[in-house]
Amino acid sequence: MIICYAGLLLFSAAFFSAAVTGTTSLPRWACVFNTLPLFVLISPLKFAGSGNIANGLMFLALFFIM
């Protein structure tokens, strides 16, 4: 499970840096729909599985953006 979260963190950091620097065809505002900002917004609400909810929202938003 720790390896899975490490992979998701690595993907989130790579996606965030690619969206911010413009190396991807996605617009720069797409970095808002990253796991890290979504987790920061959801975590104060103390939901169980906040990281999984943030990941699901990220992939759903990317589905509609693409």
N, C-alpha and C. Protein backbone atom coordinates (compact mmCIF):
# COMPACT_ATOMS: atom_id res chain seq x y z
N MET A 1 0.83 -1.18 0.00
CA MET A 1 0.00 0.00 0.00
C MET A 1 0.88 1.25 0.00
N ILE A 2 1.98 1.20 0.71
CA ILE A 2 2.88 2.36 0.76
C ILE A 2 3.48 2.61 -0.62
N ILE A 3 3.79 1.55 -1.34
CA ILE A 3 4.35 1.70 -2.69
C ILE A 3 3.32 2.32 -3.62
N CYS A 4 2.06 1.96 -3.44
CA CYS A 4 0.99 2.54 -4.26
C CYS A 4 0.88 4.04 -4.01
N TYR A 5 0.90 4.45 -2.75
CA TYR A 5 0.81 5.88 -2.45
C TYR A 5 2.06 6.63 -2.92
N ALA A 6 3.21 5.98 -2.86
CA ALA A 6 4.44 6.62 -3.36
C ALA A 6 4.34 6.82 -4.88
N GLY A 7 3.78 5.85 -5.58
CA GLY A 7 3.58 6.00 -7.02
C GLY A 7 2.60 7.10 -7.35
N LEU A 8 1.52 7.19 -6.59
CA LEU A 8 0.55 8.27 -6.82
C LEU A 8 1.15 9.63 -6.53
N LEU A 9 1.98 9.72 -5.50
CA LEU A 9 2.64 10.99 -5.19
C LEU A 9 3.62 11.37 -6.29
N LEU A 10 4.35 10.38 -6.82
CA LEU A 10 5.28 10.66 -7.91
C LEU A 10 4.53 11.10 -9.16
N PHE A 11 3.41 10.43 -9.48
CA PHE A 11 2.60 10.84 -10.62
C PHE A 11 2.04 12.25 -10.43
N SER A 12 1.57 12.55 -9.23
CA SER A 12 1.00 13.87 -8.97
C SER A 12 2.04 14.97 -9.14
N ALA A 13 3.25 14.73 -8.64
CA ALA A 13 4.31 15.72 -8.78
C ALA A 13 4.70 15.90 -10.25
N ALA A 14 4.77 14.80 -11.00
CA ALA A 14 5.12 14.89 -12.42
C ALA A 14 4.03 15.59 -13.21
N PHE A 15 2.77 15.28 -12.93
CA PHE A 15 1.65 15.92 -13.62
C PHE A 15 1.61 17.41 -13.30
N PHE A 16 1.81 17.77 -12.04
CA PHE A 16 1.78 19.17 -11.64
C PHE A 16 2.89 19.95 -12.34
N SER A 17 4.10 19.40 -12.35
CA SER A 17 5.20 20.12 -12.99
C SER A 17 5.01 20.19 -14.51
N ALA A 18 4.45 19.16 -15.12
CA ALA A 18 4.21 19.19 -16.57
C ALA A 18 3.13 20.21 -16.93
N ALA A 19 2.10 20.31 -16.09
CA ALA A 19 1.02 21.26 -16.38
C ALA A 19 1.49 22.70 -16.15
N VAL A 20 2.28 22.92 -15.12
CA VAL A 20 2.74 24.28 -14.81
C VAL A 20 3.75 24.77 -15.84
N THR A 21 4.67 23.90 -16.26
CA THR A 21 5.70 24.33 -17.21
C THR A 21 5.20 24.38 -18.65
N GLY A 22 4.05 23.76 -18.92
CA GLY A 22 3.49 23.81 -20.26
C GLY A 22 4.02 22.75 -21.20
N THR A 23 4.64 21.70 -20.68
CA THR A 23 5.16 20.64 -21.53
C THR A 23 4.08 19.66 -22.00
N THR A 24 2.89 19.81 -21.51
CA THR A 24 1.77 18.99 -21.93
C THR A 24 0.76 19.85 -22.68
N SER A 25 -0.13 19.23 -23.40
CA SER A 25 -1.11 20.00 -24.15
C SER A 25 -2.27 20.48 -23.27
N LEU A 26 -2.28 20.07 -22.02
CA LEU A 26 -3.32 20.54 -21.11
C LEU A 26 -3.08 22.00 -20.74
N PRO A 27 -4.15 22.75 -20.47
CA PRO A 27 -3.95 24.14 -20.04
C PRO A 27 -3.33 24.20 -18.65
N ARG A 28 -2.75 25.33 -18.32
CA ARG A 28 -2.09 25.46 -17.01
C ARG A 28 -3.06 25.36 -15.85
N TRP A 29 -4.32 25.76 -16.04
CA TRP A 29 -5.28 25.69 -14.95
C TRP A 29 -5.66 24.24 -14.62
N ALA A 30 -5.26 23.29 -15.46
CA ALA A 30 -5.56 21.88 -15.19
C ALA A 30 -4.79 21.36 -13.98
N CYS A 31 -3.73 22.05 -13.56
CA CYS A 31 -2.99 21.60 -12.39
C CYS A 31 -3.81 21.76 -11.11
N VAL A 32 -4.92 22.49 -11.18
CA VAL A 32 -5.83 22.60 -10.03
C VAL A 32 -6.46 21.24 -9.74
N PHE A 33 -6.68 20.45 -10.79
CA PHE A 33 -7.30 19.14 -10.65
C PHE A 33 -6.25 18.06 -10.43
N ASN A 34 -5.28 18.35 -9.60
CA ASN A 34 -4.24 17.41 -9.24
C ASN A 34 -4.57 16.82 -7.88
N THR A 35 -4.00 15.68 -7.56
CA THR A 35 -4.28 15.02 -6.29
C THR A 35 -3.86 15.88 -5.11
N LEU A 36 -2.72 16.55 -5.22
CA LEU A 36 -2.21 17.31 -4.08
C LEU A 36 -3.12 18.47 -3.67
N PRO A 37 -3.52 19.36 -4.59
CA PRO A 37 -4.42 20.44 -4.17
C PRO A 37 -5.80 19.91 -3.73
N LEU A 38 -6.29 18.88 -4.41
CA LEU A 38 -7.58 18.33 -4.01
C LEU A 38 -7.52 17.69 -2.63
N PHE A 39 -6.42 17.01 -2.33
CA PHE A 39 -6.27 16.41 -1.01
C PHE A 39 -6.18 17.47 0.08
N VAL A 40 -5.48 18.56 -0.22
CA VAL A 40 -5.38 19.66 0.76
C VAL A 40 -6.76 20.26 1.03
N LEU A 41 -7.61 20.34 0.00
CA LEU A 41 -8.96 20.87 0.18
C LEU A 41 -9.88 19.90 0.92
N ILE A 42 -9.71 18.60 0.69
CA ILE A 42 -10.61 17.60 1.27
C ILE A 42 -10.18 17.20 2.68
N SER A 43 -8.89 17.19 2.98
CA SER A 43 -8.40 16.65 4.24
C SER A 43 -8.96 17.34 5.49
N PRO A 44 -9.23 18.65 5.51
CA PRO A 44 -9.81 19.22 6.73
C PRO A 44 -11.22 18.70 7.05
N LEU A 45 -11.89 18.12 6.07
CA LEU A 45 -13.24 17.59 6.30
C LEU A 45 -13.23 16.23 6.99
N LYS A 46 -12.06 15.61 7.12
CA LYS A 46 -11.87 14.34 7.83
C LYS A 46 -12.69 13.19 7.25
N PHE A 47 -12.80 13.13 5.92
CA PHE A 47 -13.45 11.99 5.28
C PHE A 47 -12.52 10.78 5.34
N ALA A 48 -13.08 9.61 5.47
CA ALA A 48 -12.28 8.40 5.38
C ALA A 48 -11.91 8.19 3.91
N GLY A 49 -10.66 7.92 3.65
CA GLY A 49 -10.21 7.72 2.27
C GLY A 49 -10.08 9.00 1.49
N SER A 50 -9.63 10.07 2.12
CA SER A 50 -9.51 11.37 1.45
C SER A 50 -8.59 11.30 0.24
N GLY A 51 -7.51 10.54 0.35
CA GLY A 51 -6.60 10.41 -0.78
C GLY A 51 -7.24 9.72 -1.96
N ASN A 52 -8.03 8.70 -1.69
CA ASN A 52 -8.71 7.99 -2.78
C ASN A 52 -9.78 8.86 -3.42
N ILE A 53 -10.47 9.65 -2.63
CA ILE A 53 -11.48 10.57 -3.17
C ILE A 53 -10.81 11.62 -4.05
N ALA A 54 -9.67 12.15 -3.59
CA ALA A 54 -8.94 13.15 -4.37
C ALA A 54 -8.44 12.54 -5.68
N ASN A 55 -7.94 11.31 -5.65
CA ASN A 55 -7.49 10.65 -6.88
C ASN A 55 -8.64 10.42 -7.83
N GLY A 56 -9.77 9.99 -7.32
CA GLY A 56 -10.94 9.78 -8.17
C GLY A 56 -11.42 11.06 -8.82
N LEU A 57 -11.43 12.16 -8.06
CA LEU A 57 -11.82 13.45 -8.61
C LEU A 57 -10.83 13.92 -9.68
N MET A 58 -9.54 13.65 -9.45
CA MET A 58 -8.54 14.06 -10.43
C MET A 58 -8.75 13.33 -11.75
N PHE A 59 -8.93 12.01 -11.70
CA PHE A 59 -9.09 11.26 -12.93
C PHE A 59 -10.42 11.58 -13.61
N LEU A 60 -11.46 11.87 -12.85
CA LEU A 60 -12.74 12.28 -13.43
C LEU A 60 -12.60 13.62 -14.14
N ALA A 61 -11.92 14.57 -13.49
CA ALA A 61 -11.72 15.89 -14.11
C ALA A 61 -10.86 15.78 -15.36
N LEU A 62 -9.82 14.96 -15.33
CA LEU A 62 -8.98 14.79 -16.52
C LEU A 62 -9.74 14.12 -17.64
N PHE A 63 -10.66 13.23 -17.31
CA PHE A 63 -11.49 12.59 -18.32
C PHE A 63 -12.31 13.63 -19.07
N PHE A 64 -12.89 14.58 -18.33
CA PHE A 64 -13.71 15.61 -18.98
C PHE A 64 -12.87 16.67 -19.68
N ILE A 65 -11.66 16.95 -19.17
CA ILE A 65 -10.78 17.93 -19.82
C ILE A 65 -10.28 17.41 -21.15
N MET A 66 -9.91 16.14 -21.17
CA MET A 66 -9.37 15.56 -22.41
C MET A 66 -10.46 15.27 -23.37
